[in-house]
Amino acid sequence: MRVTYRRKSTGLHALPRPVAVVVGGGGVLGAAHVGIGHALEQRGFVPDLIIGTSVGALNGAVAAAHPGEAAPWLNRVWTHVRRREVFPLGYLPSRAGICSDRGLRTLIARAGLPPRIEQLKVPFTAVAMDLATGAQALLDHGDLESALLASAAIPGVLPPVNRDGRTLVDGGMIAYVPVLAALQSGAASVVVLVTGPESRPLRPAVPPRRAAAVAARARLLLWHHQIERDLHEVSRRIPTVVLPTGIEDWPAPWDFGHSQRLINTASLAAGRFLDELRISGPGLYRADGPSATSAGPGQVRTASVSGSLSGVGR
């Protein structure tokens, strides 16, 4: 398929169709997805398909069920949910996780979602990992609840999900930001919602010495390099827009008390970026420097977002 671009076409509406929204993982940091979604809805943007990993699968499914009006519902959920509701200790269904998935099941039930993926208004795929083979599992049909549980089944924390003869766990293990799945699904352009320190340029750091800090640093590096590798591979072929959150100070992964700040900050940062966005062909469009919003075909495009946004909503 040949796509024709007008020079420096304005905004998301200039992206070639079909446009996929890709929603990455991040646990509690997924509150920032809500703010970005609000900015998209304010500008009348509705994608042609949505692909999500882990918490991004849950947020993405709600967006697919309520296109153009998901942000208010998600805002209510994220500003009221507490850690013990999502990660309740005890009541173990097996020895496969330290937490039961009953809290996550309750959260899914409150979303007013249809029972099957095919009944969502926007085509949707949840990404999980096959625990037997390590292969990516793209769940785009069948039971919706089990697909969301599988995509969010953090190994060792939440129990794996048996679905269609496979044992599935959190898709973030193999596709923290599933842009390759979007390309595989036939997207002509992608809009990426990614959260957390993994999504930012990494600064050199003195190697930590304590066990927990060593593990956290290694995990950060692993996910960061996976994200960057996949973004650059996809952006060589199609326009790839990475929406900023504007967040400098990320909370701990289990701290739900910062949700409103994350939502407000991300909404403002993403909105500013979208209002300045110019599309001129395949490439990586993101706000990670002071450059202009466009460059030659196939290059990385960057856009500046003026001001410090990290304090909004405190």
Protein backbone atom coordinates (compact mmCIF):
# COMPACT_ATOMS: atom_id res chain seq x y z
CA MET A 1 0.00 0.00 0.00
CA ARG A 2 1.40 3.38 -1.01
CA VAL A 3 0.83 6.23 1.45
CA THR A 4 1.06 9.86 0.32
CA TYR A 5 2.01 12.52 2.87
CA ARG A 6 1.46 16.22 2.58
CA ARG A 7 4.56 18.05 3.72
CA LYS A 8 4.44 18.52 7.51
CA SER A 9 0.77 17.57 7.82
CA THR A 10 -0.79 18.69 11.09
CA GLY A 11 -1.62 16.48 14.04
CA LEU A 12 -2.95 12.99 14.57
CA HIS A 13 -5.59 13.36 11.87
CA ALA A 14 -2.75 13.40 9.31
CA LEU A 15 -1.64 9.88 10.27
CA PRO A 16 -2.29 7.22 7.62
CA ARG A 17 -5.03 4.71 8.46
CA PRO A 18 -5.40 2.29 10.05
CA VAL A 19 -3.97 3.93 13.18
CA ALA A 20 -3.20 1.69 16.17
CA VAL A 21 -3.02 2.96 19.74
CA VAL A 22 -0.43 0.94 21.66
CA VAL A 23 -0.72 1.00 25.45
CA GLY A 24 2.28 -0.24 27.41
CA GLY A 25 2.66 -1.79 30.85
CA GLY A 26 3.55 -0.10 34.10
CA GLY A 27 1.22 -1.19 36.90
CA VAL A 28 0.12 1.78 39.01
CA LEU A 29 1.91 4.08 36.57
CA GLY A 30 -0.90 3.27 34.11
CA ALA A 31 -2.77 6.20 35.65
CA ALA A 32 -0.78 8.36 33.23
CA HIS A 33 -2.49 6.52 30.36
CA VAL A 34 -5.75 8.09 31.53
CA GLY A 35 -4.38 11.60 31.23
CA ILE A 36 -3.01 10.94 27.74
CA GLY A 37 -6.31 9.35 26.75
CA HIS A 38 -8.13 12.46 27.93
CA ALA A 39 -5.92 14.63 25.70
CA LEU A 40 -6.65 12.37 22.73
CA GLU A 41 -10.40 12.41 23.35
CA GLN A 42 -10.42 16.20 23.71
CA ARG A 43 -9.04 16.38 20.18
CA GLY A 44 -11.61 14.00 18.74
CA PHE A 45 -9.21 11.15 18.06
CA VAL A 46 -10.52 7.57 17.84
CA PRO A 47 -8.11 4.80 16.76
CA ASP A 48 -8.81 1.95 14.35
CA LEU A 49 -7.37 -0.67 16.71
CA ILE A 50 -5.97 -0.83 20.24
CA ILE A 51 -3.22 -3.14 21.50
CA GLY A 52 -2.30 -3.30 25.18
CA THR A 53 0.07 -5.04 27.55
CA SER A 54 -0.57 -5.63 31.27
CA VAL A 55 -2.28 -2.56 32.80
CA GLY A 56 -2.28 -1.14 29.27
CA ALA A 57 -4.53 -4.01 28.23
CA LEU A 58 -7.11 -3.11 30.88
CA ASN A 59 -7.01 0.60 30.04
CA GLY A 60 -7.05 -0.24 26.34
CA ALA A 61 -10.05 -2.54 26.67
CA VAL A 62 -12.05 0.20 28.38
CA ALA A 63 -11.09 2.61 25.59
CA ALA A 64 -12.16 0.01 23.02
CA ALA A 65 -15.49 -0.46 24.77
CA HIS A 66 -16.20 3.27 25.12
CA PRO A 67 -14.43 5.05 22.22
CA GLY A 68 -14.28 8.80 22.72
CA GLU A 69 -15.60 8.70 26.30
CA ALA A 70 -13.40 6.30 28.28
CA ALA A 71 -11.28 8.89 30.12
CA PRO A 72 -13.92 10.00 32.68
CA TRP A 73 -14.66 6.40 33.69
CA LEU A 74 -10.97 5.51 33.97
CA ASN A 75 -10.33 8.68 35.96
CA ARG A 76 -12.89 7.60 38.57
CA VAL A 77 -11.36 4.13 38.80
CA TRP A 78 -7.76 5.25 39.13
CA THR A 79 -8.42 7.96 41.70
CA HIS A 80 -10.32 5.57 44.00
CA VAL A 81 -8.47 2.26 43.67
CA ARG A 82 -6.06 1.17 46.41
CA ARG A 83 -3.21 -1.31 46.46
CA ARG A 84 -4.97 -3.85 48.68
CA GLU A 85 -7.85 -3.98 46.18
CA VAL A 86 -5.61 -4.88 43.23
CA PHE A 87 -2.95 -6.92 45.03
CA PRO A 88 -4.73 -8.58 47.97
CA LEU A 89 -2.42 -10.80 49.97
CA GLY A 90 -3.71 -14.20 50.97
CA TYR A 91 -6.70 -16.07 49.57
CA LEU A 92 -4.22 -17.82 47.27
CA PRO A 93 -5.82 -19.95 44.55
CA SER A 94 -2.50 -21.79 44.14
CA ARG A 95 1.18 -21.50 44.96
CA ALA A 96 1.84 -19.70 41.67
CA GLY A 97 1.53 -16.15 43.05
CA ILE A 98 1.82 -14.28 46.31
CA CYS A 99 -1.44 -12.43 45.55
CA SER A 100 -4.85 -13.60 44.44
CA ASP A 101 -6.28 -12.22 41.20
CA ARG A 102 -9.68 -11.67 42.83
CA GLY A 103 -9.03 -7.93 43.14
CA LEU A 104 -8.18 -7.64 39.46
CA ARG A 105 -11.29 -9.65 38.57
CA THR A 106 -13.41 -7.22 40.57
CA LEU A 107 -11.78 -4.25 38.83
CA ILE A 108 -12.51 -5.80 35.42
CA ALA A 109 -16.12 -6.50 36.41
CA ARG A 110 -16.65 -2.83 37.32
CA ALA A 111 -15.54 -1.70 33.86
CA GLY A 112 -18.80 -2.63 32.17
CA LEU A 113 -16.97 -4.62 29.51
CA PRO A 114 -18.61 -7.19 27.22
CA PRO A 115 -17.79 -10.87 27.81
CA ARG A 116 -15.97 -11.36 24.49
CA ILE A 117 -13.23 -9.40 22.77
CA GLU A 118 -15.15 -9.42 19.47
CA GLN A 119 -17.93 -7.39 21.12
CA LEU A 120 -15.71 -4.37 21.80
CA LYS A 121 -16.48 -1.37 19.58
CA VAL A 122 -12.85 -0.93 18.50
CA PRO A 123 -10.76 -3.98 17.48
CA PHE A 124 -8.59 -4.92 20.45
CA THR A 125 -5.65 -7.19 21.27
CA ALA A 126 -4.22 -8.04 24.69
CA VAL A 127 -0.59 -9.19 24.71
CA ALA A 128 0.63 -11.96 27.02
CA MET A 129 3.61 -14.34 27.09
CA ASP A 130 3.44 -18.12 26.77
CA LEU A 131 5.24 -19.39 29.87
CA ALA A 132 6.16 -22.69 28.17
CA THR A 133 7.79 -21.27 25.04
CA GLY A 134 8.43 -17.58 25.76
CA ALA A 135 6.47 -16.68 22.64
CA GLN A 136 4.25 -13.63 22.37
CA ALA A 137 0.55 -14.45 22.67
CA LEU A 138 -1.80 -12.07 20.84
CA LEU A 139 -5.27 -12.41 22.35
CA ASP A 140 -7.67 -10.81 19.87
CA HIS A 141 -10.74 -13.03 20.21
CA GLY A 142 -12.60 -15.06 22.79
CA ASP A 143 -13.13 -14.47 26.50
CA LEU A 144 -12.15 -10.93 27.48
CA GLU A 145 -11.68 -11.39 31.22
CA SER A 146 -9.17 -14.22 30.88
CA ALA A 147 -7.26 -12.23 28.23
CA LEU A 148 -6.91 -9.24 30.58
CA LEU A 149 -5.95 -11.45 33.52
CA ALA A 150 -3.30 -13.19 31.43
CA SER A 151 -1.82 -9.96 30.11
CA ALA A 152 -1.48 -8.61 33.67
CA ALA A 153 -0.31 -11.82 35.41
CA ILE A 154 2.97 -10.55 36.88
CA PRO A 155 5.13 -13.67 37.31
CA GLY A 156 5.37 -14.67 40.95
CA VAL A 157 2.89 -11.98 42.04
CA LEU A 158 -0.34 -12.94 40.27
CA PRO A 159 -1.16 -16.49 39.16
CA PRO A 160 -0.66 -17.49 35.49
CA VAL A 161 -3.77 -17.96 33.37
CA ASN A 162 -4.58 -21.16 31.50
CA ARG A 163 -6.21 -20.18 28.22
CA ASP A 164 -6.72 -22.29 25.10
CA GLY A 165 -4.25 -24.90 26.30
CA ARG A 166 -1.49 -22.41 27.09
CA THR A 167 -0.13 -21.07 30.38
CA LEU A 168 0.09 -17.28 30.02
CA VAL A 169 1.75 -14.52 32.04
CA ASP A 170 2.28 -10.75 31.86
CA GLY A 171 2.94 -9.54 28.30
CA GLY A 172 5.44 -7.00 29.60
CA MET A 173 7.98 -9.81 29.86
CA ILE A 174 8.25 -9.90 26.06
CA ALA A 175 6.50 -6.74 24.80
CA TYR A 176 6.39 -4.01 27.43
CA VAL A 177 5.27 -1.65 24.65
CA PRO A 178 3.72 -3.89 21.95
CA VAL A 179 4.42 -1.81 18.85
CA LEU A 180 5.64 -4.86 16.91
CA ALA A 181 2.23 -6.44 17.45
CA ALA A 182 0.63 -3.31 15.97
CA LEU A 183 2.81 -3.57 12.89
CA GLN A 184 1.98 -7.28 12.61
CA SER A 185 -1.73 -6.40 12.82
CA GLY A 186 -1.49 -4.16 9.74
CA ALA A 187 -1.28 -0.70 11.29
CA ALA A 188 -0.14 2.06 8.92
CA SER A 189 0.81 4.28 11.87
CA VAL A 190 0.92 3.97 15.66
CA VAL A 191 0.29 6.22 18.66
CA VAL A 192 2.19 4.98 21.72
CA LEU A 193 1.27 5.40 25.39
CA VAL A 194 4.29 4.42 27.50
CA THR A 195 4.88 5.24 31.16
CA GLY A 196 7.53 5.02 33.81
CA PRO A 197 11.27 5.71 34.04
CA GLU A 198 11.84 2.97 31.41
CA SER A 199 10.38 5.32 28.79
CA ARG A 200 12.87 8.14 29.37
CA PRO A 201 16.47 8.51 28.19
CA LEU A 202 18.65 6.74 30.76
CA ARG A 203 21.40 8.60 32.57
CA PRO A 204 24.63 6.91 33.65
CA ALA A 205 24.43 5.81 37.26
CA VAL A 206 26.78 4.39 39.85
CA PRO A 207 26.01 0.64 39.96
CA PRO A 208 24.03 -0.15 43.10
CA ARG A 209 25.24 -2.71 45.64
CA ARG A 210 22.14 -3.83 47.52
CA ALA A 211 20.26 -6.80 46.09
CA ALA A 212 16.92 -5.05 45.59
CA ALA A 213 18.55 -2.03 43.95
CA VAL A 214 20.63 -4.23 41.65
CA ALA A 215 17.50 -6.10 40.53
CA ALA A 216 15.58 -2.84 39.98
CA ARG A 217 18.39 -1.33 37.91
CA ALA A 218 18.74 -4.45 35.77
CA ARG A 219 14.97 -4.53 35.17
CA LEU A 220 15.00 -0.85 34.22
CA LEU A 221 17.79 -1.40 31.69
CA LEU A 222 16.13 -4.50 30.25
CA TRP A 223 12.79 -2.81 29.63
CA HIS A 224 14.35 0.43 28.39
CA HIS A 225 16.44 -1.33 25.76
CA GLN A 226 13.48 -3.49 24.71
CA ILE A 227 11.28 -0.41 24.27
CA GLU A 228 13.90 1.52 22.29
CA ARG A 229 14.70 -1.44 20.04
CA ASP A 230 11.05 -2.04 19.16
CA LEU A 231 10.22 1.66 18.67
CA HIS A 232 13.11 2.17 16.26
CA GLU A 233 12.31 -0.98 14.30
CA VAL A 234 8.68 0.04 13.76
CA SER A 235 9.43 3.73 13.11
CA ARG A 236 11.63 2.84 10.15
CA ARG A 237 8.49 1.62 8.40
CA ILE A 238 5.56 3.74 9.65
CA PRO A 239 4.95 6.98 11.59
CA THR A 240 5.36 6.20 15.29
CA VAL A 241 4.11 8.88 17.69
CA VAL A 242 5.19 8.51 21.32
CA LEU A 243 3.07 10.74 23.55
CA PRO A 244 4.84 12.39 26.51
CA THR A 245 3.68 12.24 30.10
CA GLY A 246 5.64 15.25 31.38
CA ILE A 247 6.28 13.30 34.59
CA GLU A 248 9.73 13.59 36.17
CA ASP A 249 8.98 12.06 39.57
CA TRP A 250 7.44 8.60 39.24
CA PRO A 251 5.98 6.98 42.38
CA ALA A 252 6.79 3.49 43.61
CA PRO A 253 5.06 0.74 41.56
CA TRP A 254 2.72 -0.12 44.47
CA ASP A 255 1.80 3.48 45.47
CA PHE A 256 -1.69 4.34 44.19
CA GLY A 257 -1.77 7.67 46.05
CA HIS A 258 -0.33 9.66 43.13
CA SER A 259 -2.92 8.76 40.50
CA GLN A 260 -4.50 12.21 40.21
CA ARG A 261 -1.12 13.88 39.81
CA LEU A 262 -0.12 11.42 37.08
CA ILE A 263 -3.42 11.92 35.24
CA ASN A 264 -3.31 15.72 35.33
CA THR A 265 0.36 15.99 34.40
CA ALA A 266 0.12 13.56 31.49
CA SER A 267 -3.02 15.21 30.12
CA LEU A 268 -1.33 18.60 29.97
CA ALA A 269 1.96 17.34 28.51
CA ALA A 270 0.33 15.16 25.86
CA GLY A 271 -2.08 17.94 24.88
CA ARG A 272 0.73 20.44 24.34
CA PHE A 273 2.66 17.92 22.26
CA LEU A 274 -0.36 17.02 20.12
CA ASP A 275 -1.07 20.68 19.36
CA GLU A 276 2.47 21.06 17.97
CA LEU A 277 2.70 17.71 16.18
CA ARG A 278 3.59 17.68 12.48
CA ILE A 279 3.72 14.46 10.44
CA SER A 280 5.94 14.14 7.36
CA GLY A 281 6.36 10.42 6.82
CA PRO A 282 7.72 7.36 8.65
CA GLY A 283 9.81 8.14 11.70
CA LEU A 284 9.81 8.40 15.47
CA TYR A 285 7.92 11.44 16.75
CA ARG A 286 8.45 12.13 20.45
CA ALA A 287 9.16 14.89 22.96
CA ASP A 288 12.63 14.12 24.22
CA GLY A 289 14.59 17.20 23.21
CA PRO A 290 14.52 20.82 22.06
CA SER A 291 14.44 20.06 18.33
CA ALA A 292 11.71 20.91 15.84
CA THR A 293 8.75 18.61 15.30
CA SER A 294 9.83 17.29 11.92
CA ALA A 295 12.88 16.01 10.06
CA GLY A 296 13.71 14.08 6.92
CA PRO A 297 11.88 10.80 6.11
CA GLY A 298 12.91 7.91 8.31
CA GLN A 299 14.64 10.07 10.93
CA VAL A 300 13.73 10.58 14.57
CA ARG A 301 11.50 13.59 15.10
CA THR A 302 11.50 15.31 18.47
CA ALA A 303 9.33 18.05 19.88
CA SER A 304 9.91 20.22 22.91
CA VAL A 305 7.24 20.69 25.58
CA SER A 306 7.91 23.94 27.35
CA GLY A 307 7.87 24.28 31.12
CA SER A 308 8.10 21.86 33.99
CA LEU A 309 4.91 19.83 34.29
CA SER A 310 5.85 17.48 37.09
CA GLY A 311 4.08 19.49 39.78
CA VAL A 312 0.67 19.66 38.15
CA GLY A 313 -2.09 18.08 40.20
CA ARG A 314 -0.10 17.73 43.44
